[in-house]
Amino acid sequence: MPTPYEIIGVAPSASADDIKKAYRKLAKKLHPDLNPGNKKVEQQFKELSAAYDLLSDAAKRARYDRGEIDASGAERPDRPFYRRYAEGRAGAKYQDFSIDEDSFVDDLFSNLFRQQQRRSERSMHLRGADVTYVAEVDFVEAAVGAKKRLMLTDGKTLDVTIPPGTEDGQTLRLKGQGLPGTGGGTAGDAYIEVKVAPHPVFTRQGNDVHVELPVTLPEAVLGATVTAPTIDGPVSLKVPPDSNTGSQLRLKGKGILDRASGKRGDQYVRLKVVLPDRTDPELRAFLEKWSAQHPYSVRR
């Protein structure tokens, strides 16, 4: 009969984390809800759960390794009929004795009954398997937080709270939202992998938000107050006179929340000077005269 280590597929020297990872991988594959009507898989899942129940408990695992309990967690059966008579006189293998057959049978079947009872109790209370889902959110939802409703394959729904500052690829744990246990066992957990969609305007660097903002030639040269987008909504932004493409302005505290410190990052606005689609004759004539009188180089 395979040992608990062999059932889970790890070596006796495996760490607790290695045991947990191996169990989760097999539990997802063997859970009865994912294999309805398959008695063989159901039995394998019971054996897997019993093995993990033993090895995930540090005290039980140590006792098992020392040989004090068996794979079901039951005490190793004692042998009173041996110990009781094994202390004979010097030179004799056993003391003179007569076996009470009724007592012997009672001891034997009492131990067998206790082992079977513990096996039954353990197999009846099995924790449900963990499940993994993917939640797709847009940039702003991940930045400021949101509530999403996932549609599961069985037609049920799962409400998920996306905390402010969630990053792409981050995994959220919902305790007790996995597959139900059997025989009154607790439900597994749900793990939500968050996928953040790219944004057409915003990009993220750490907890700072970066955005490129087009401005007109007069706004850049003369200065102006323009509207700039932020993850909280549009705000007014002053463009200083003589700004140029690449000039960067900072909006303090308009970035993404750092949950560790409770503070928000900043937003950086990079200006981009944009000419009109068609230059009118008046502007062209002005620039021809102005450039002749004010030459300057930008590619030195």
Protein backbone atom coordinates (compact mmCIF):
# COMPACT_ATOMS: atom_id res chain seq x y z
CA MET A 1 0.00 0.00 0.00
CA PRO A 2 1.49 3.41 -0.94
CA THR A 3 2.62 5.76 1.81
CA PRO A 4 1.09 9.24 2.22
CA TYR A 5 4.23 10.67 0.62
CA GLU A 6 3.81 8.39 -2.41
CA ILE A 7 0.10 9.27 -2.72
CA ILE A 8 0.87 13.00 -2.88
CA GLY A 9 3.95 12.38 -5.01
CA VAL A 10 6.67 13.92 -2.84
CA ALA A 11 9.74 12.63 -1.05
CA PRO A 12 9.72 12.16 2.76
CA SER A 13 12.16 15.08 2.95
CA ALA A 14 9.76 17.46 1.12
CA SER A 15 8.99 20.82 2.72
CA ALA A 16 5.50 21.81 3.85
CA ASP A 17 5.19 24.17 0.86
CA ASP A 18 6.18 21.43 -1.58
CA ILE A 19 3.56 19.11 -0.06
CA LYS A 20 0.89 21.82 -0.29
CA LYS A 21 1.68 22.59 -3.96
CA ALA A 22 1.65 18.92 -4.92
CA TYR A 23 -1.66 18.36 -3.08
CA ARG A 24 -3.36 21.34 -4.77
CA LYS A 25 -2.26 20.18 -8.20
CA LEU A 26 -3.66 16.68 -7.69
CA ALA A 27 -6.80 17.87 -5.85
CA LYS A 28 -7.82 20.01 -8.83
CA LYS A 29 -7.47 16.99 -11.07
CA LEU A 30 -9.16 14.40 -8.84
CA HIS A 31 -12.00 16.31 -7.12
CA PRO A 32 -15.29 14.33 -7.39
CA ASP A 33 -17.20 17.39 -8.60
CA LEU A 34 -14.97 17.48 -11.65
CA ASN A 35 -15.25 13.71 -12.19
CA PRO A 36 -18.90 12.87 -11.51
CA GLY A 37 -19.65 9.16 -11.31
CA ASN A 38 -16.02 8.07 -11.43
CA LYS A 39 -15.67 5.84 -8.35
CA LYS A 40 -11.98 5.20 -8.95
CA VAL A 41 -11.14 8.91 -9.00
CA GLU A 42 -13.38 9.47 -5.97
CA GLN A 43 -11.41 6.86 -4.03
CA GLN A 44 -8.12 8.39 -5.16
CA PHE A 45 -9.33 11.80 -3.98
CA LYS A 46 -10.24 10.38 -0.56
CA GLU A 47 -6.80 8.82 -0.23
CA LEU A 48 -5.17 12.07 -1.33
CA SER A 49 -7.15 14.13 1.18
CA ALA A 50 -6.35 11.70 4.00
CA ALA A 51 -2.66 11.78 3.10
CA TYR A 52 -2.60 15.58 3.02
CA ASP A 53 -4.52 15.79 6.29
CA LEU A 54 -1.76 13.75 7.90
CA LEU A 55 1.28 15.41 6.30
CA SER A 56 0.00 19.00 6.57
CA ASP A 57 -0.14 18.64 10.36
CA ALA A 58 3.46 18.97 11.57
CA ALA A 59 2.83 17.03 14.78
CA LYS A 60 1.03 14.15 13.04
CA ARG A 61 3.68 14.02 10.33
CA ALA A 62 6.44 13.75 12.93
CA ARG A 63 4.61 10.97 14.75
CA TYR A 64 4.05 9.12 11.47
CA ASP A 65 7.72 9.44 10.56
CA ARG A 66 8.64 8.01 13.97
CA GLY A 67 6.27 5.08 13.41
CA GLU A 68 3.95 6.02 16.29
CA ILE A 69 0.84 6.26 14.07
CA ASP A 70 -0.12 4.71 10.76
CA ALA A 71 -1.14 6.41 7.51
CA SER A 72 -4.72 6.86 8.73
CA GLY A 73 -3.53 8.65 11.86
CA ALA A 74 -4.40 5.75 14.14
CA GLU A 75 -2.07 4.64 16.90
CA ARG A 76 0.04 1.66 15.98
CA PRO A 77 -1.71 -1.37 17.57
CA ASP A 78 -0.03 -2.46 20.76
CA ARG A 79 0.70 -6.12 21.50
CA PRO A 80 -0.20 -6.65 25.15
CA PHE A 81 -0.25 -10.40 24.65
CA TYR A 82 3.48 -10.20 23.81
CA ARG A 83 4.65 -7.61 26.29
CA ARG A 84 2.68 -9.16 29.09
CA TYR A 85 4.63 -12.39 28.90
CA ALA A 86 7.98 -11.34 27.42
CA GLU A 87 9.65 -10.67 30.76
CA GLY A 88 10.60 -14.20 31.70
CA ARG A 89 13.35 -15.43 34.00
CA ALA A 90 16.95 -15.27 32.87
CA GLY A 91 17.70 -17.82 30.16
CA ALA A 92 14.00 -18.32 29.36
CA LYS A 93 12.34 -16.78 26.30
CA TYR A 94 8.97 -16.27 27.98
CA GLN A 95 7.43 -16.74 31.36
CA ASP A 96 5.18 -19.68 31.90
CA PHE A 97 1.72 -18.44 31.00
CA SER A 98 -1.69 -19.41 29.85
CA ILE A 99 -3.46 -17.24 27.25
CA ASP A 100 -6.92 -15.92 27.98
CA GLU A 101 -8.31 -16.39 24.48
CA ASP A 102 -11.29 -14.10 25.07
CA SER A 103 -8.99 -11.28 26.27
CA PHE A 104 -6.67 -11.78 23.30
CA VAL A 105 -9.53 -11.59 20.79
CA ASP A 106 -11.03 -8.56 22.53
CA ASP A 107 -7.69 -6.71 22.37
CA LEU A 108 -7.17 -7.56 18.73
CA PHE A 109 -10.64 -6.56 17.53
CA SER A 110 -10.69 -3.46 19.73
CA ASN A 111 -7.58 -2.17 17.96
CA LEU A 112 -8.95 -3.03 14.53
CA PHE A 113 -12.25 -1.31 15.32
CA ARG A 114 -10.50 1.87 16.48
CA GLN A 115 -8.42 2.01 13.31
CA GLN A 116 -11.44 1.49 11.05
CA GLN A 117 -13.46 4.09 12.95
CA ARG A 118 -10.72 6.69 12.53
CA ARG A 119 -10.37 5.91 8.85
CA SER A 120 -14.12 6.36 8.36
CA GLU A 121 -14.19 9.63 10.28
CA ARG A 122 -11.28 11.00 8.27
CA SER A 123 -12.73 9.99 4.91
CA MET A 124 -16.08 11.56 5.73
CA HIS A 125 -14.71 15.08 6.32
CA LEU A 126 -12.83 16.09 3.19
CA ARG A 127 -11.86 19.67 2.37
CA GLY A 128 -12.99 20.94 -1.01
CA ALA A 129 -10.47 21.60 -3.77
CA ASP A 130 -9.13 25.07 -4.51
CA VAL A 131 -10.05 26.63 -7.85
CA THR A 132 -8.45 29.34 -9.99
CA TYR A 133 -10.26 31.94 -12.09
CA VAL A 134 -9.11 34.86 -14.25
CA ALA A 135 -10.67 38.31 -13.87
CA GLU A 136 -10.07 40.89 -16.61
CA VAL A 137 -10.25 44.52 -15.45
CA ASP A 138 -9.41 47.81 -17.12
CA PHE A 139 -6.57 50.08 -16.01
CA VAL A 140 -8.70 52.49 -13.99
CA GLU A 141 -10.60 49.70 -12.20
CA ALA A 142 -7.31 48.17 -11.07
CA ALA A 143 -5.95 51.57 -10.04
CA VAL A 144 -8.88 52.85 -7.97
CA GLY A 145 -10.58 49.55 -7.05
CA ALA A 146 -13.79 47.99 -8.30
CA LYS A 147 -16.28 45.16 -7.84
CA LYS A 148 -16.47 42.51 -10.55
CA ARG A 149 -18.90 39.64 -11.04
CA LEU A 150 -17.45 36.49 -12.58
CA MET A 151 -19.63 34.00 -14.43
CA LEU A 152 -18.54 30.46 -13.57
CA THR A 153 -18.72 27.41 -15.81
CA ASP A 154 -21.59 25.95 -13.78
CA GLY A 155 -23.71 29.06 -14.35
CA LYS A 156 -23.15 30.48 -10.87
CA THR A 157 -21.63 33.90 -10.23
CA LEU A 158 -18.83 35.01 -7.94
CA ASP A 159 -18.49 38.60 -6.71
CA VAL A 160 -14.90 39.78 -6.46
CA THR A 161 -13.59 42.99 -4.87
CA ILE A 162 -10.58 44.39 -6.75
CA PRO A 163 -8.55 46.40 -4.19
CA PRO A 164 -7.12 49.80 -5.21
CA GLY A 165 -3.62 49.49 -6.63
CA THR A 166 -4.03 45.93 -7.93
CA GLU A 167 -1.28 45.01 -10.41
CA ASP A 168 -1.41 42.93 -13.56
CA GLY A 169 -0.88 39.25 -12.73
CA GLN A 170 -1.68 39.70 -9.02
CA THR A 171 -3.60 36.83 -7.40
CA LEU A 172 -6.42 37.42 -4.92
CA ARG A 173 -7.57 34.73 -2.48
CA LEU A 174 -11.24 34.27 -1.59
CA LYS A 175 -11.40 31.95 1.41
CA GLY A 176 -14.09 29.29 1.26
CA GLN A 177 -15.18 30.17 -2.28
CA GLY A 178 -13.70 27.05 -3.92
CA LEU A 179 -15.34 23.68 -4.47
CA PRO A 180 -17.47 22.37 -1.58
CA GLY A 181 -16.09 19.72 0.74
CA THR A 182 -17.62 16.28 1.19
CA GLY A 183 -19.12 14.86 4.35
CA GLY A 184 -19.29 18.25 6.03
CA GLY A 185 -15.71 19.19 5.13
CA THR A 186 -14.85 22.85 4.61
CA ALA A 187 -14.92 24.37 1.14
CA GLY A 188 -11.69 25.09 -0.71
CA ASP A 189 -10.50 28.57 -1.63
CA ALA A 190 -10.85 30.51 -4.88
CA TYR A 191 -7.78 32.17 -6.36
CA ILE A 192 -8.45 35.07 -8.74
CA GLU A 193 -5.69 35.99 -11.17
CA VAL A 194 -6.16 39.61 -12.24
CA LYS A 195 -5.39 40.62 -15.82
CA VAL A 196 -5.18 44.41 -16.30
CA ALA A 197 -6.00 45.58 -19.83
CA PRO A 198 -3.71 48.22 -21.38
CA HIS A 199 -5.08 51.79 -21.39
CA PRO A 200 -4.95 54.05 -24.47
CA VAL A 201 -3.74 57.03 -22.40
CA PHE A 202 -2.36 55.89 -19.03
CA THR A 203 0.70 53.78 -18.28
CA ARG A 204 1.93 52.67 -14.87
CA GLN A 205 5.45 52.82 -13.45
CA GLY A 206 5.44 51.62 -9.85
CA ASN A 207 2.72 53.69 -8.20
CA ASP A 208 3.11 56.61 -10.61
CA VAL A 209 0.87 57.20 -13.63
CA HIS A 210 2.27 58.63 -16.87
CA VAL A 211 0.29 60.28 -19.65
CA GLU A 212 1.17 62.15 -22.86
CA LEU A 213 -0.92 65.30 -23.39
CA PRO A 214 -1.16 67.06 -26.78
CA VAL A 215 -1.08 70.90 -26.69
CA THR A 216 -1.35 73.48 -29.46
CA LEU A 217 1.47 75.74 -30.57
CA PRO A 218 -0.09 78.84 -28.97
CA GLU A 219 -0.72 76.92 -25.70
CA ALA A 220 2.92 75.82 -25.60
CA VAL A 221 4.39 79.23 -26.48
CA LEU A 222 2.04 81.53 -24.60
CA GLY A 223 1.00 79.23 -21.75
CA ALA A 224 -2.55 78.13 -21.01
CA THR A 225 -4.86 76.24 -18.67
CA VAL A 226 -5.91 72.94 -20.23
CA THR A 227 -7.85 69.85 -19.17
CA ALA A 228 -5.80 66.75 -18.37
CA PRO A 229 -7.12 63.21 -17.73
CA THR A 230 -6.36 61.42 -14.43
CA ILE A 231 -7.54 58.10 -12.96
CA ASP A 232 -9.91 60.17 -10.78
CA GLY A 233 -11.33 62.12 -13.72
CA PRO A 234 -10.35 65.28 -15.64
CA VAL A 235 -8.50 68.12 -13.84
CA SER A 236 -7.29 71.60 -14.82
CA LEU A 237 -3.58 71.86 -15.59
CA LYS A 238 -1.50 75.00 -16.14
CA VAL A 239 0.89 74.81 -19.08
CA PRO A 240 3.75 77.27 -18.46
CA PRO A 241 4.75 79.68 -21.28
CA ASP A 242 7.58 78.48 -23.54
CA SER A 243 6.77 74.80 -22.96
CA ASN A 244 8.01 72.29 -25.49
CA THR A 245 7.44 68.71 -26.56
CA GLY A 246 8.87 66.56 -23.79
CA SER A 247 8.22 69.09 -21.02
CA GLN A 248 6.93 67.16 -18.00
CA LEU A 249 4.47 68.39 -15.37
CA ARG A 250 3.75 66.66 -12.05
CA LEU A 251 0.34 66.19 -10.44
CA LYS A 252 1.14 65.27 -6.85
CA GLY A 253 -0.98 62.53 -5.25
CA LYS A 254 -2.80 61.70 -8.48
CA GLY A 255 -1.14 58.31 -8.89
CA ILE A 256 -1.96 54.85 -7.55
CA LEU A 257 -2.47 53.93 -3.91
CA ASP A 258 0.39 52.16 -2.14
CA ARG A 259 -1.47 49.85 0.27
CA ALA A 260 1.59 49.38 2.45
CA SER A 261 2.05 53.09 3.21
CA GLY A 262 -1.48 54.31 2.51
CA LYS A 263 -0.08 57.05 0.23
CA ARG A 264 -0.65 57.62 -3.44
CA GLY A 265 1.94 58.06 -6.14
CA ASP A 266 2.01 60.98 -8.58
CA GLN A 267 0.91 61.53 -12.15
CA TYR A 268 3.40 62.84 -14.69
CA VAL A 269 2.11 64.68 -17.76
CA ARG A 270 4.44 64.83 -20.75
CA LEU A 271 3.55 67.60 -23.20
CA LYS A 272 3.49 67.05 -26.94
CA VAL A 273 3.24 70.11 -29.18
CA VAL A 274 0.96 69.41 -32.15
CA LEU A 275 0.62 71.66 -35.20
CA PRO A 276 -2.71 72.10 -36.97
CA ASP A 277 -3.56 69.61 -39.70
CA ARG A 278 -3.25 72.41 -42.27
CA THR A 279 -1.04 75.47 -41.78
CA ASP A 280 -2.90 78.59 -42.96
CA PRO A 281 -1.14 81.11 -45.22
CA GLU A 282 -0.96 83.76 -42.50
CA LEU A 283 0.97 81.46 -40.10
CA ARG A 284 3.21 80.27 -42.95
CA ALA A 285 4.08 83.86 -43.95
CA PHE A 286 4.79 84.80 -40.34
CA LEU A 287 7.11 81.82 -39.82
CA GLU A 288 9.00 82.49 -43.06
CA LYS A 289 9.75 86.04 -41.96
CA TRP A 290 10.38 85.09 -38.30
CA SER A 291 12.68 82.16 -39.07
CA ALA A 292 14.84 84.26 -41.35
CA GLN A 293 15.40 86.74 -38.53
CA HIS A 294 15.67 84.18 -35.66
CA PRO A 295 17.55 81.11 -36.88
CA TYR A 296 18.23 78.32 -34.31
CA SER A 297 19.44 74.70 -34.41
CA VAL A 298 17.74 71.69 -32.79
CA ARG A 299 19.90 68.82 -34.20
CA ARG A 300 23.39 69.73 -33.02
